[in-house]
C-alpha atoms as a PDB file:
ATOM      1  CA  UNK A   1     -11.395 -38.611 -17.767  1.00  0.00           C
ATOM      2  CA  UNK A   2     -12.197 -41.599 -19.169  1.00  0.00           C
ATOM      3  CA  UNK A   3     -12.029 -42.698 -23.173  1.00  0.00           C
ATOM      4  CA  UNK A   4     -15.849 -43.390 -22.429  1.00  0.00           C
ATOM      5  CA  UNK A   5     -16.354 -40.247 -20.825  1.00  0.00           C
ATOM      6  CA  UNK A   6     -14.426 -38.440 -24.102  1.00  0.00           C
ATOM      7  CA  UNK A   7     -16.325 -39.977 -26.637  1.00  0.00           C
ATOM      8  CA  UNK A   8     -19.689 -39.394 -24.938  1.00  0.00           C
ATOM      9  CA  UNK A   9     -18.766 -36.051 -25.129  1.00  0.00           C
ATOM     10  CA  UNK A  10     -17.718 -35.387 -28.624  1.00  0.00           C
ATOM     11  CA  UNK A  11     -21.151 -36.810 -29.008  1.00  0.00           C
ATOM     12  CA  UNK A  12     -22.902 -34.303 -27.107  1.00  0.00           C
ATOM     13  CA  UNK A  13     -20.672 -31.268 -28.729  1.00  0.00           C
ATOM     14  CA  UNK A  14     -21.911 -32.430 -32.225  1.00  0.00           C
ATOM     15  CA  UNK A  15     -25.470 -32.527 -31.014  1.00  0.00           C
ATOM     16  CA  UNK A  16     -25.026 -28.828 -29.358  1.00  0.00           C
ATOM     17  CA  UNK A  17     -23.097 -27.696 -33.139  1.00  0.00           C
ATOM     18  CA  UNK A  18     -26.514 -29.153 -34.574  1.00  0.00           C
ATOM     19  CA  UNK A  19     -28.360 -27.447 -32.740  1.00  0.00           C
ATOM     20  CA  UNK A  20     -28.734 -23.384 -33.809  1.00  0.00           C
ATOM     21  CA  UNK A  21     -29.221 -25.125 -37.674  1.00  0.00           C
ATOM     22  CA  UNK A  22     -31.983 -27.323 -36.286  1.00  0.00           C
ATOM     23  CA  UNK A  23     -33.401 -23.921 -34.836  1.00  0.00           C
ATOM     24  CA  UNK A  24     -32.698 -22.692 -38.242  1.00  0.00           C
ATOM     25  CA  UNK A  25     -34.251 -24.894 -40.746  1.00  0.00           C
ATOM     26  CA  UNK A  26     -37.440 -26.260 -38.773  1.00  0.00           C
ATOM     27  CA  UNK A  27     -40.664 -25.884 -40.964  1.00  0.00           C
ATOM     28  CA  UNK A  28     -38.266 -25.388 -44.071  1.00  0.00           C
ATOM     29  CA  UNK A  29     -37.985 -27.667 -47.816  1.00  0.00           C
ATOM     30  CA  UNK A  30     -35.139 -29.080 -48.589  1.00  0.00           C
ATOM     31  CA  UNK A  31     -35.214 -30.759 -52.220  1.00  0.00           C
ATOM     32  CA  UNK A  32     -32.623 -33.100 -52.109  1.00  0.00           C
ATOM     33  CA  UNK A  33     -31.793 -35.130 -55.682  1.00  0.00           C
ATOM     34  CA  UNK A  34     -30.470 -38.467 -55.038  1.00  0.00           C
ATOM     35  CA  UNK A  35     -27.942 -40.101 -57.618  1.00  0.00           C
ATOM     36  CA  UNK A  36     -24.475 -41.630 -58.171  1.00  0.00           C
ATOM     37  CA  UNK A  37     -22.382 -44.525 -55.655  1.00  0.00           C
ATOM     38  CA  UNK A  38     -25.342 -43.105 -52.731  1.00  0.00           C
ATOM     39  CA  UNK A  39     -27.991 -44.733 -55.233  1.00  0.00           C
ATOM     40  CA  UNK A  40     -26.254 -48.163 -55.508  1.00  0.00           C
ATOM     41  CA  UNK A  41     -23.759 -49.096 -52.984  1.00  0.00           C
ATOM     42  CA  UNK A  42     -25.873 -50.539 -49.977  1.00  0.00           C
ATOM     43  CA  UNK A  43     -24.305 -49.124 -47.001  1.00  0.00           C
ATOM     44  CA  UNK A  44     -24.909 -45.733 -48.668  1.00  0.00           C
ATOM     45  CA  UNK A  45     -28.239 -46.338 -49.370  1.00  0.00           C
ATOM     46  CA  UNK A  46     -28.689 -47.128 -45.820  1.00  0.00           C
ATOM     47  CA  UNK A  47     -26.792 -44.046 -44.777  1.00  0.00           C
ATOM     48  CA  UNK A  48     -29.459 -41.670 -47.001  1.00  0.00           C
ATOM     49  CA  UNK A  49     -32.490 -43.404 -45.961  1.00  0.00           C
ATOM     50  CA  UNK A  50     -31.387 -42.598 -42.233  1.00  0.00           C
ATOM     51  CA  UNK A  51     -30.518 -39.111 -42.950  1.00  0.00           C
ATOM     52  CA  UNK A  52     -33.655 -38.527 -45.010  1.00  0.00           C
ATOM     53  CA  UNK A  53     -35.683 -39.954 -41.701  1.00  0.00           C
ATOM     54  CA  UNK A  54     -33.913 -37.891 -39.149  1.00  0.00           C
ATOM     55  CA  UNK A  55     -34.670 -34.578 -41.426  1.00  0.00           C
ATOM     56  CA  UNK A  56     -38.067 -35.225 -41.197  1.00  0.00           C
ATOM     57  CA  UNK A  57     -38.339 -36.312 -37.597  1.00  0.00           C
ATOM     58  CA  UNK A  58     -36.389 -32.653 -36.180  1.00  0.00           C
ATOM     59  CA  UNK A  59     -38.979 -30.800 -38.382  1.00  0.00           C
ATOM     60  CA  UNK A  60     -37.476 -30.386 -42.317  1.00  0.00           C
ATOM     61  CA  UNK A  61     -39.455 -31.400 -44.793  1.00  0.00           C
ATOM     62  CA  UNK A  62     -37.790 -33.191 -47.245  1.00  0.00           C
ATOM     63  CA  UNK A  63     -38.534 -33.664 -51.007  1.00  0.00           C
ATOM     64  CA  UNK A  64     -36.348 -36.732 -52.626  1.00  0.00           C
ATOM     65  CA  UNK A  65     -35.828 -36.592 -56.539  1.00  0.00           C
ATOM     66  CA  UNK A  66     -33.734 -39.142 -57.756  1.00  0.00           C
ATOM     67  CA  UNK A  67     -32.524 -40.803 -61.013  1.00  0.00           C
ATOM     68  CA  UNK A  68     -31.321 -43.766 -62.684  1.00  0.00           C
ATOM     69  CA  UNK A  69     -29.611 -43.829 -65.420  1.00  0.00           C
ATOM     70  CA  UNK A  70     -27.326 -46.783 -64.855  1.00  0.00           C
ATOM     71  CA  UNK A  71     -30.544 -49.066 -64.614  1.00  0.00           C
ATOM     72  CA  UNK A  72     -31.654 -48.204 -67.036  1.00  0.00           C
ATOM     73  CA  UNK A  73     -28.887 -49.043 -69.327  1.00  0.00           C
ATOM     74  CA  UNK A  74     -28.803 -52.150 -67.614  1.00  0.00           C
ATOM     75  CA  UNK A  75     -32.227 -53.064 -68.105  1.00  0.00           C
ATOM     76  CA  UNK A  76     -32.210 -51.966 -71.442  1.00  0.00           C
ATOM     77  CA  UNK A  77     -29.205 -53.614 -72.665  1.00  0.00           C
ATOM     78  CA  UNK A  78     -30.964 -56.875 -71.176  1.00  0.00           C
ATOM     79  CA  UNK A  79     -33.458 -56.715 -73.153  1.00  0.00           C
ATOM     80  CA  UNK A  80     -31.147 -56.401 -76.202  1.00  0.00           C
ATOM     81  CA  UNK A  81     -31.963 -52.841 -76.654  1.00  0.00           C
ATOM     82  CA  UNK A  82     -28.856 -50.622 -77.203  1.00  0.00           C
ATOM     83  CA  UNK A  83     -28.657 -47.033 -75.435  1.00  0.00           C
ATOM     84  CA  UNK A  84     -28.343 -44.165 -78.033  1.00  0.00           C
ATOM     85  CA  UNK A  85     -26.653 -40.869 -76.398  1.00  0.00           C
ATOM     86  CA  UNK A  86     -26.203 -37.613 -78.112  1.00  0.00           C
ATOM     87  CA  UNK A  87     -23.845 -34.721 -76.046  1.00  0.00           C
ATOM     88  CA  UNK A  88     -24.853 -37.118 -72.730  1.00  0.00           C
ATOM     89  CA  UNK A  89     -28.715 -37.069 -73.776  1.00  0.00           C
ATOM     90  CA  UNK A  90     -30.629 -40.428 -73.960  1.00  0.00           C
ATOM     91  CA  UNK A  91     -32.429 -40.794 -77.186  1.00  0.00           C
ATOM     92  CA  UNK A  92     -35.530 -41.735 -75.928  1.00  0.00           C
ATOM     93  CA  UNK A  93     -37.816 -43.453 -78.374  1.00  0.00           C
ATOM     94  CA  UNK A  94     -41.323 -45.014 -77.176  1.00  0.00           C
ATOM     95  CA  UNK A  95     -40.209 -48.523 -76.273  1.00  0.00           C
ATOM     96  CA  UNK A  96     -37.267 -46.651 -74.138  1.00  0.00           C
ATOM     97  CA  UNK A  97     -39.721 -44.505 -72.911  1.00  0.00           C
ATOM     98  CA  UNK A  98     -41.141 -47.884 -71.368  1.00  0.00           C
ATOM     99  CA  UNK A  99     -38.596 -48.873 -69.634  1.00  0.00           C
ATOM    100  CA  UNK A 100     -37.100 -45.930 -68.492  1.00  0.00           C
ATOM    101  CA  UNK A 101     -41.062 -45.895 -67.279  1.00  0.00           C
ATOM    102  CA  UNK A 102     -41.028 -49.117 -65.998  1.00  0.00           C
ATOM    103  CA  UNK A 103     -37.057 -48.699 -64.066  1.00  0.00           C
ATOM    104  CA  UNK A 104     -37.652 -44.977 -62.779  1.00  0.00           C
ATOM    105  CA  UNK A 105     -41.038 -44.804 -61.540  1.00  0.00           C
ATOM    106  CA  UNK A 106     -41.515 -48.971 -60.777  1.00  0.00           C
ATOM    107  CA  UNK A 107     -38.290 -50.294 -59.834  1.00  0.00           C
ATOM    108  CA  UNK A 108     -36.309 -47.495 -58.068  1.00  0.00           C
ATOM    109  CA  UNK A 109     -38.673 -45.173 -56.763  1.00  0.00           C
ATOM    110  CA  UNK A 110     -40.320 -48.128 -54.736  1.00  0.00           C
ATOM    111  CA  UNK A 111     -37.060 -49.153 -53.651  1.00  0.00           C
ATOM    112  CA  UNK A 112     -36.524 -45.725 -52.124  1.00  0.00           C
ATOM    113  CA  UNK A 113     -39.751 -45.688 -50.820  1.00  0.00           C
ATOM    114  CA  UNK A 114     -39.313 -49.117 -48.732  1.00  0.00           C
ATOM    115  CA  UNK A 115     -36.186 -48.065 -47.509  1.00  0.00           C
ATOM    116  CA  UNK A 116     -37.239 -44.495 -46.260  1.00  0.00           C
ATOM    117  CA  UNK A 117     -40.019 -46.481 -44.826  1.00  0.00           C
ATOM    118  CA  UNK A 118     -37.728 -48.982 -43.364  1.00  0.00           C
ATOM    119  CA  UNK A 119     -36.274 -46.324 -41.138  1.00  0.00           C
ATOM    120  CA  UNK A 120     -39.019 -44.842 -39.798  1.00  0.00           C
ATOM    121  CA  UNK A 121     -40.479 -42.392 -42.375  1.00  0.00           C
ATOM    122  CA  UNK A 122     -43.392 -41.954 -44.185  1.00  0.00           C
ATOM    123  CA  UNK A 123     -42.395 -41.938 -47.692  1.00  0.00           C
ATOM    124  CA  UNK A 124     -44.997 -41.958 -51.017  1.00  0.00           C
ATOM    125  CA  UNK A 125     -43.839 -42.796 -54.720  1.00  0.00           C
ATOM    126  CA  UNK A 126     -44.692 -40.429 -57.471  1.00  0.00           C
ATOM    127  CA  UNK A 127     -43.812 -39.693 -60.893  1.00  0.00           C
ATOM    128  CA  UNK A 128     -44.437 -36.200 -62.888  1.00  0.00           C
ATOM    129  CA  UNK A 129     -48.014 -37.874 -63.609  1.00  0.00           C
ATOM    130  CA  UNK A 130     -48.980 -37.801 -60.286  1.00  0.00           C
ATOM    131  CA  UNK A 131     -51.153 -35.191 -59.241  1.00  0.00           C
ATOM    132  CA  UNK A 132     -49.874 -33.281 -62.486  1.00  0.00           C
ATOM    133  CA  UNK A 133     -46.723 -32.439 -60.663  1.00  0.00           C
ATOM    134  CA  UNK A 134     -44.367 -32.118 -64.124  1.00  0.00           C
ATOM    135  CA  UNK A 135     -46.190 -29.986 -67.109  1.00  0.00           C
ATOM    136  CA  UNK A 136     -43.900 -31.400 -69.611  1.00  0.00           C
ATOM    137  CA  UNK A 137     -42.961 -30.071 -72.965  1.00  0.00           C
ATOM    138  CA  UNK A 138     -40.399 -31.839 -76.020  1.00  0.00           C
ATOM    139  CA  UNK A 139     -36.932 -30.950 -75.790  1.00  0.00           C
ATOM    140  CA  UNK A 140     -35.366 -30.582 -78.753  1.00  0.00           C
ATOM    141  CA  UNK A 141     -31.332 -30.166 -78.661  1.00  0.00           C
ATOM    142  CA  UNK A 142     -29.650 -27.468 -80.337  1.00  0.00           C
ATOM    143  CA  UNK A 143     -26.316 -28.340 -82.218  1.00  0.00           C
ATOM    144  CA  UNK A 144     -24.361 -26.130 -84.421  1.00  0.00           C
ATOM    145  CA  UNK A 145     -27.658 -24.287 -84.647  1.00  0.00           C
ATOM    146  CA  UNK A 146     -29.717 -27.331 -85.792  1.00  0.00           C
ATOM    147  CA  UNK A 147     -32.406 -29.186 -83.662  1.00  0.00           C
ATOM    148  CA  UNK A 148     -32.009 -32.471 -82.707  1.00  0.00           C
ATOM    149  CA  UNK A 149     -34.857 -34.525 -81.795  1.00  0.00           C
ATOM    150  CA  UNK A 150     -34.494 -36.758 -78.730  1.00  0.00           C
ATOM    151  CA  UNK A 151     -37.229 -38.372 -79.183  1.00  0.00           C
ATOM    152  CA  UNK A 152     -39.554 -38.595 -75.637  1.00  0.00           C
ATOM    153  CA  UNK A 153     -37.026 -36.444 -74.227  1.00  0.00           C
ATOM    154  CA  UNK A 154     -38.623 -33.295 -72.072  1.00  0.00           C
ATOM    155  CA  UNK A 155     -38.048 -30.036 -70.411  1.00  0.00           C
ATOM    156  CA  UNK A 156     -39.977 -28.810 -67.556  1.00  0.00           C
ATOM    157  CA  UNK A 157     -43.792 -26.385 -68.542  1.00  0.00           C
ATOM    158  CA  UNK A 158     -44.507 -26.087 -65.044  1.00  0.00           C
ATOM    159  CA  UNK A 159     -44.765 -27.616 -62.015  1.00  0.00           C
ATOM    160  CA  UNK A 160     -47.742 -28.313 -60.044  1.00  0.00           C
ATOM    161  CA  UNK A 161     -46.898 -28.689 -56.177  1.00  0.00           C
ATOM    162  CA  UNK A 162     -50.459 -29.221 -54.489  1.00  0.00           C
ATOM    163  CA  UNK A 163     -49.877 -33.143 -54.210  1.00  0.00           C
ATOM    164  CA  UNK A 164     -45.951 -32.112 -52.560  1.00  0.00           C
ATOM    165  CA  UNK A 165     -47.933 -29.748 -49.903  1.00  0.00           C
ATOM    166  CA  UNK A 166     -50.996 -32.205 -49.357  1.00  0.00           C
ATOM    167  CA  UNK A 167     -48.285 -35.080 -48.488  1.00  0.00           C
ATOM    168  CA  UNK A 168     -45.943 -32.580 -46.904  1.00  0.00           C
ATOM    169  CA  UNK A 169     -48.719 -31.324 -44.909  1.00  0.00           C
ATOM    170  CA  UNK A 170     -49.695 -35.240 -43.297  1.00  0.00           C
ATOM    171  CA  UNK A 171     -45.961 -35.824 -42.415  1.00  0.00           C
ATOM    172  CA  UNK A 172     -45.261 -37.494 -45.665  1.00  0.00           C
ATOM    173  CA  UNK A 173     -41.975 -37.523 -47.670  1.00  0.00           C
ATOM    174  CA  UNK A 174     -42.676 -37.392 -51.503  1.00  0.00           C
ATOM    175  CA  UNK A 175     -40.317 -39.286 -53.457  1.00  0.00           C
ATOM    176  CA  UNK A 176     -40.001 -38.171 -56.915  1.00  0.00           C
ATOM    177  CA  UNK A 177     -39.174 -40.134 -60.220  1.00  0.00           C
ATOM    178  CA  UNK A 178     -38.163 -37.588 -63.211  1.00  0.00           C
ATOM    179  CA  UNK A 179     -40.993 -38.112 -65.748  1.00  0.00           C
ATOM    180  CA  UNK A 180     -43.437 -35.759 -66.750  1.00  0.00           C
ATOM    181  CA  UNK A 181     -46.368 -35.707 -69.220  1.00  0.00           C
ATOM    182  CA  UNK A 182     -47.776 -33.118 -72.129  1.00  0.00           C
ATOM    183  CA  UNK A 183     -50.723 -32.170 -73.324  1.00  0.00           C
ATOM    184  CA  UNK A 184     -51.963 -34.936 -74.651  1.00  0.00           C
ATOM    185  CA  UNK A 185     -50.605 -37.638 -72.244  1.00  0.00           C
ATOM    186  CA  UNK A 186     -47.477 -38.606 -73.444  1.00  0.00           C
ATOM    187  CA  UNK A 187     -44.752 -39.604 -70.950  1.00  0.00           C
ATOM    188  CA  UNK A 188     -41.050 -37.937 -70.838  1.00  0.00           C
ATOM    189  CA  UNK A 189     -38.244 -38.729 -69.753  1.00  0.00           C
ATOM    190  CA  UNK A 190     -36.545 -35.655 -68.265  1.00  0.00           C
ATOM    191  CA  UNK A 191     -33.150 -34.841 -66.320  1.00  0.00           C
ATOM    192  CA  UNK A 192     -33.443 -35.292 -62.560  1.00  0.00           C
ATOM    193  CA  UNK A 193     -31.065 -32.716 -61.493  1.00  0.00           C
ATOM    194  CA  UNK A 194     -33.608 -30.456 -63.864  1.00  0.00           C
ATOM    195  CA  UNK A 195     -36.662 -31.620 -62.007  1.00  0.00           C
ATOM    196  CA  UNK A 196     -34.966 -31.220 -58.574  1.00  0.00           C
ATOM    197  CA  UNK A 197     -33.770 -27.438 -59.546  1.00  0.00           C
ATOM    198  CA  UNK A 198     -37.631 -26.407 -61.149  1.00  0.00           C
ATOM    199  CA  UNK A 199     -39.346 -28.480 -57.670  1.00  0.00           C
ATOM    200  CA  UNK A 200     -37.096 -26.436 -55.348  1.00  0.00           C
ATOM    201  CA  UNK A 201     -38.085 -22.992 -56.779  1.00  0.00           C
ATOM    202  CA  UNK A 202     -42.083 -24.220 -57.030  1.00  0.00           C
ATOM    203  CA  UNK A 203     -41.654 -24.869 -53.357  1.00  0.00           C
ATOM    204  CA  UNK A 204     -40.310 -21.662 -52.728  1.00  0.00           C
ATOM    205  CA  UNK A 205     -37.133 -24.416 -50.770  1.00  0.00           C
ATOM    206  CA  UNK A 206     -34.685 -23.234 -48.578  1.00  0.00           C
ATOM    207  CA  UNK A 207     -32.113 -25.743 -50.003  1.00  0.00           C
ATOM    208  CA  UNK A 208     -31.100 -27.183 -52.911  1.00  0.00           C
ATOM    209  CA  UNK A 209     -28.716 -30.190 -52.288  1.00  0.00           C
ATOM    210  CA  UNK A 210     -27.441 -32.432 -55.310  1.00  0.00           C
ATOM    211  CA  UNK A 211     -25.978 -35.857 -54.408  1.00  0.00           C
ATOM    212  CA  UNK A 212     -22.455 -36.495 -56.499  1.00  0.00           C
ATOM    213  CA  UNK A 213     -20.141 -38.939 -57.301  1.00  0.00           C
ATOM    214  CA  UNK A 214     -17.131 -36.360 -56.708  1.00  0.00           C
ATOM    215  CA  UNK A 215     -16.707 -33.919 -53.414  1.00  0.00           C
ATOM    216  CA  UNK A 216     -18.160 -31.370 -55.240  1.00  0.00           C
ATOM    217  CA  UNK A 217     -16.704 -28.265 -57.512  1.00  0.00           C
ATOM    218  CA  UNK A 218     -12.985 -27.971 -57.745  1.00  0.00           C
ATOM    219  CA  UNK A 219     -10.208 -25.247 -58.776  1.00  0.00           C
ATOM    220  CA  UNK A 220      -8.093 -26.275 -61.574  1.00  0.00           C
ATOM    221  CA  UNK A 221      -5.437 -27.812 -59.417  1.00  0.00           C
ATOM    222  CA  UNK A 222      -8.663 -30.122 -57.886  1.00  0.00           C
ATOM    223  CA  UNK A 223      -8.936 -28.320 -54.676  1.00  0.00           C
ATOM    224  CA  UNK A 224     -12.402 -28.326 -53.391  1.00  0.00           C
ATOM    225  CA  UNK A 225     -14.123 -24.849 -53.408  1.00  0.00           C
ATOM    226  CA  UNK A 226     -16.333 -24.727 -50.295  1.00  0.00           C
ATOM    227  CA  UNK A 227     -18.405 -21.582 -51.056  1.00  0.00           C
ATOM    228  CA  UNK A 228     -18.971 -20.192 -55.040  1.00  0.00           C
ATOM    229  CA  UNK A 229     -21.218 -17.733 -56.405  1.00  0.00           C
ATOM    230  CA  UNK A 230     -23.305 -17.052 -59.369  1.00  0.00           C
ATOM    231  CA  UNK A 231     -20.518 -14.973 -61.270  1.00  0.00           C
ATOM    232  CA  UNK A 232     -17.120 -16.991 -60.175  1.00  0.00           C
ATOM    233  CA  UNK A 233     -19.298 -20.206 -61.624  1.00  0.00           C
ATOM    234  CA  UNK A 234     -19.847 -18.613 -64.992  1.00  0.00           C
ATOM    235  CA  UNK A 235     -16.393 -17.790 -65.213  1.00  0.00           C
ATOM    236  CA  UNK A 236     -15.360 -21.635 -64.049  1.00  0.00           C
ATOM    237  CA  UNK A 237     -17.698 -22.713 -66.488  1.00  0.00           C
ATOM    238  CA  UNK A 238     -15.857 -20.264 -69.231  1.00  0.00           C
ATOM    239  CA  UNK A 239     -12.672 -21.016 -68.235  1.00  0.00           C
ATOM    240  CA  UNK A 240     -13.381 -24.372 -68.589  1.00  0.00           C
ATOM    241  CA  UNK A 241     -12.356 -25.655 -65.196  1.00  0.00           C
ATOM    242  CA  UNK A 242     -16.179 -26.363 -64.311  1.00  0.00           C
ATOM    243  CA  UNK A 243     -16.873 -29.380 -67.653  1.00  0.00           C
ATOM    244  CA  UNK A 244     -18.578 -32.432 -68.418  1.00  0.00           C
ATOM    245  CA  UNK A 245     -21.161 -33.518 -66.537  1.00  0.00           C
ATOM    246  CA  UNK A 246     -20.682 -31.111 -63.859  1.00  0.00           C
ATOM    247  CA  UNK A 247     -22.292 -28.155 -65.570  1.00  0.00           C
ATOM    248  CA  UNK A 248     -25.935 -29.402 -65.773  1.00  0.00           C
ATOM    249  CA  UNK A 249     -25.503 -29.542 -62.271  1.00  0.00           C
ATOM    250  CA  UNK A 250     -24.075 -26.224 -61.471  1.00  0.00           C
ATOM    251  CA  UNK A 251     -26.684 -25.109 -63.974  1.00  0.00           C
ATOM    252  CA  UNK A 252     -29.803 -26.614 -61.802  1.00  0.00           C
ATOM    253  CA  UNK A 253     -28.151 -24.785 -59.012  1.00  0.00           C
ATOM    254  CA  UNK A 254     -27.586 -21.567 -60.686  1.00  0.00           C
ATOM    255  CA  UNK A 255     -31.163 -21.504 -62.159  1.00  0.00           C
ATOM    256  CA  UNK A 256     -32.660 -22.540 -58.815  1.00  0.00           C
ATOM    257  CA  UNK A 257     -31.381 -19.488 -57.210  1.00  0.00           C
ATOM    258  CA  UNK A 258     -32.245 -17.268 -59.537  1.00  0.00           C
ATOM    259  CA  UNK A 259     -35.625 -18.664 -58.855  1.00  0.00           C
ATOM    260  CA  UNK A 260     -35.157 -17.995 -54.982  1.00  0.00           C
ATOM    261  CA  UNK A 261     -34.364 -20.911 -53.600  1.00  0.00           C
ATOM    262  CA  UNK A 262     -32.057 -19.522 -50.593  1.00  0.00           C
ATOM    263  CA  UNK A 263     -28.997 -21.996 -51.008  1.00  0.00           C
ATOM    264  CA  UNK A 264     -27.163 -24.917 -52.922  1.00  0.00           C
ATOM    265  CA  UNK A 265     -25.055 -27.343 -52.741  1.00  0.00           C
ATOM    266  CA  UNK A 266     -23.547 -29.841 -54.727  1.00  0.00           C
ATOM    267  CA  UNK A 267     -22.295 -32.637 -51.929  1.00  0.00           C
ATOM    268  CA  UNK A 268     -20.362 -36.021 -52.470  1.00  0.00           C
ATOM    269  CA  UNK A 269     -22.530 -38.676 -52.001  1.00  0.00           C
ATOM    270  CA  UNK A 270     -19.847 -41.123 -51.799  1.00  0.00           C
ATOM    271  CA  UNK A 271     -19.567 -40.478 -48.239  1.00  0.00           C
ATOM    272  CA  UNK A 272     -22.022 -41.550 -45.399  1.00  0.00           C
ATOM    273  CA  UNK A 273     -24.231 -39.439 -43.877  1.00  0.00           C
ATOM    274  CA  UNK A 274     -22.615 -36.512 -46.330  1.00  0.00           C
ATOM    275  CA  UNK A 275     -26.235 -34.822 -45.857  1.00  0.00           C
ATOM    276  CA  UNK A 276     -26.099 -34.386 -42.044  1.00  0.00           C
ATOM    277  CA  UNK A 277     -22.551 -33.539 -42.078  1.00  0.00           C
ATOM    278  CA  UNK A 278     -23.352 -30.751 -45.299  1.00  0.00           C
ATOM    279  CA  UNK A 279     -26.199 -29.691 -43.484  1.00  0.00           C
ATOM    280  CA  UNK A 280     -25.701 -29.448 -39.767  1.00  0.00           C
ATOM    281  CA  UNK A 281     -21.869 -28.701 -39.396  1.00  0.00           C
ATOM    282  CA  UNK A 282     -20.138 -25.437 -40.104  1.00  0.00           C
ATOM    283  CA  UNK A 283     -17.297 -26.828 -42.472  1.00  0.00           C
ATOM    284  CA  UNK A 284     -19.597 -29.228 -44.488  1.00  0.00           C
ATOM    285  CA  UNK A 285     -18.599 -31.583 -47.013  1.00  0.00           C
ATOM    286  CA  UNK A 286     -19.006 -29.953 -50.539  1.00  0.00           C
ATOM    287  CA  UNK A 287     -19.673 -27.141 -52.548  1.00  0.00           C
ATOM    288  CA  UNK A 288     -22.652 -25.067 -51.475  1.00  0.00           C
ATOM    289  CA  UNK A 289     -23.279 -22.304 -54.467  1.00  0.00           C
ATOM    290  CA  UNK A 290     -25.101 -19.248 -53.587  1.00  0.00           C
ATOM    291  CA  UNK A 291     -25.955 -15.399 -54.895  1.00  0.00           C
END
């Protein structure tokens, strides 16, 4: 068998391996949190957009939720405003919220929409204010039993999914910026992992997938843990093996599972086509968090 034939056979084997997953997930909704290196590196951005379009073409319904913290910080500094953080939460006064809304809802959201559309998809950009998607209330951070006011930082009160369903029914791919609104119409900045988790629960998603800049959840000697259940995840948090920025991601997965999302994944967005590798191969490229 010559080299060309061998290469073609390997491609055929890949398609055959993917077939059961394509059949299983046809018509299902996947909520994907897009961030980290995959949102910055040009080649990874292209690969992500291709993955989303492919999922859509084979009958899976993706909903993309994105962050954009580094870009917000960059624009703030360019405008002469120094970012402030308390326990990893951005302090968001009125002026900062205007910048957040401009960067997330304008620049980043529309760039992702255009990227997906350039590969043949039909993406539509939204914030949580569109179609009353994300009803929000002010979030108060508790530190040493005292409540700290972070400004216009919100937590989700209700997800209204009609706008998402309307778009999906017509073959569009929703791309959501994590900005909510309250009863008085004020805008709020919300953690993108939290938004992705809440939307996954509301739409009864098959999967919640979080793209990160690490290989997944690792043990005490930095070996990847391919599968983790809820009890094991809590234990690793208590043992301080899961720490820092991974904690809110794990809680986003746990909240989704408790809301009856079938399966959640934390994957390495630095790997090209990591979405396809996680979904359509037996081994995957990250950690799946399950009930």
